[in-house]
Amino acid sequence: MTAMFQPPDVTGAIFVDGSGRRGRRLRRATYALVAVLLVLLAAFWLLQGLDVFEFGT
């Protein structure tokens, strides 16, 4: 007996992560990226302030 071909369910979830590991990893990577960007922004801001007060040269 041959089974009928059934197309894949297009409404089903593609990525299922029951453990939540992917979410934790993405959250940590996002926090790290935001922290690096804030440090760079603070450094840029401080360097601009040093130029204004002529402490740098």
C-alpha atoms as a PDB file:
ATOM      1  CA  MET A   1       0.000   0.000   0.000  1.00  0.00           C
ATOM      2  CA  THR A   2       1.396   3.410  -0.905  1.00  0.00           C
ATOM      3  CA  ALA A   3       0.933   6.432   1.305  1.00  0.00           C
ATOM      4  CA  MET A   4      -0.269   9.717  -0.072  1.00  0.00           C
ATOM      5  CA  PHE A   5       2.322  12.459  -0.311  1.00  0.00           C
ATOM      6  CA  GLN A   6       1.654  15.130   2.271  1.00  0.00           C
ATOM      7  CA  PRO A   7       3.304  18.520   1.829  1.00  0.00           C
ATOM      8  CA  PRO A   8       5.147  19.898   4.857  1.00  0.00           C
ATOM      9  CA  ASP A   9       3.151  22.005   7.276  1.00  0.00           C
ATOM     10  CA  VAL A  10       3.983  25.612   6.391  1.00  0.00           C
ATOM     11  CA  THR A  11       2.336  26.921   9.559  1.00  0.00           C
ATOM     12  CA  GLY A  12       4.489  24.813  11.879  1.00  0.00           C
ATOM     13  CA  ALA A  13       7.394  26.245  13.821  1.00  0.00           C
ATOM     14  CA  ILE A  14      10.692  26.116  11.977  1.00  0.00           C
ATOM     15  CA  PHE A  15      13.058  26.528  14.919  1.00  0.00           C
ATOM     16  CA  VAL A  16      11.860  24.952  18.128  1.00  0.00           C
ATOM     17  CA  ASP A  17      14.105  25.323  21.141  1.00  0.00           C
ATOM     18  CA  GLY A  18      12.431  23.695  24.093  1.00  0.00           C
ATOM     19  CA  SER A  19      15.468  24.105  26.343  1.00  0.00           C
ATOM     20  CA  GLY A  20      15.701  27.876  25.859  1.00  0.00           C
ATOM     21  CA  ARG A  21      19.433  27.664  25.233  1.00  0.00           C
ATOM     22  CA  ARG A  22      19.282  29.624  21.968  1.00  0.00           C
ATOM     23  CA  GLY A  23      17.362  32.439  23.644  1.00  0.00           C
ATOM     24  CA  ARG A  24      19.840  32.669  26.517  1.00  0.00           C
ATOM     25  CA  ARG A  25      22.764  32.685  24.114  1.00  0.00           C
ATOM     26  CA  LEU A  26      21.217  35.425  21.965  1.00  0.00           C
ATOM     27  CA  ARG A  27      20.334  37.466  25.048  1.00  0.00           C
ATOM     28  CA  ARG A  28      23.904  37.243  26.379  1.00  0.00           C
ATOM     29  CA  ALA A  29      25.361  38.132  22.978  1.00  0.00           C
ATOM     30  CA  THR A  30      23.018  41.118  22.749  1.00  0.00           C
ATOM     31  CA  TYR A  31      23.982  42.291  26.247  1.00  0.00           C
ATOM     32  CA  ALA A  32      27.670  41.952  25.372  1.00  0.00           C
ATOM     33  CA  LEU A  33      27.227  43.895  22.126  1.00  0.00           C
ATOM     34  CA  VAL A  34      25.319  46.681  23.888  1.00  0.00           C
ATOM     35  CA  ALA A  35      27.980  46.843  26.621  1.00  0.00           C
ATOM     36  CA  VAL A  36      30.774  47.153  24.043  1.00  0.00           C
ATOM     37  CA  LEU A  37      28.873  49.859  22.183  1.00  0.00           C
ATOM     38  CA  LEU A  38      28.269  51.795  25.410  1.00  0.00           C
ATOM     39  CA  VAL A  39      31.959  51.599  26.335  1.00  0.00           C
ATOM     40  CA  LEU A  40      32.949  52.834  22.871  1.00  0.00           C
ATOM     41  CA  LEU A  41      30.394  55.639  23.049  1.00  0.00           C
ATOM     42  CA  ALA A  42      31.641  56.686  26.501  1.00  0.00           C
ATOM     43  CA  ALA A  43      35.252  56.601  25.306  1.00  0.00           C
ATOM     44  CA  PHE A  44      34.385  58.705  22.268  1.00  0.00           C
ATOM     45  CA  TRP A  45      32.475  61.160  24.462  1.00  0.00           C
ATOM     46  CA  LEU A  46      35.374  61.446  26.912  1.00  0.00           C
ATOM     47  CA  LEU A  47      37.892  61.935  24.124  1.00  0.00           C
ATOM     48  CA  GLN A  48      35.766  64.704  22.657  1.00  0.00           C
ATOM     49  CA  GLY A  49      35.623  66.339  26.088  1.00  0.00           C
ATOM     50  CA  LEU A  50      39.395  66.154  26.425  1.00  0.00           C
ATOM     51  CA  ASP A  51      39.802  67.968  23.102  1.00  0.00           C
ATOM     52  CA  VAL A  52      37.433  70.718  24.215  1.00  0.00           C
ATOM     53  CA  PHE A  53      39.382  71.376  27.428  1.00  0.00           C
ATOM     54  CA  GLU A  54      42.754  70.844  25.705  1.00  0.00           C
ATOM     55  CA  PHE A  55      43.881  68.119  28.090  1.00  0.00           C
ATOM     56  CA  GLY A  56      44.829  65.803  25.240  1.00  0.00           C
ATOM     57  CA  THR A  57      47.638  67.911  23.752  1.00  0.00           C
END
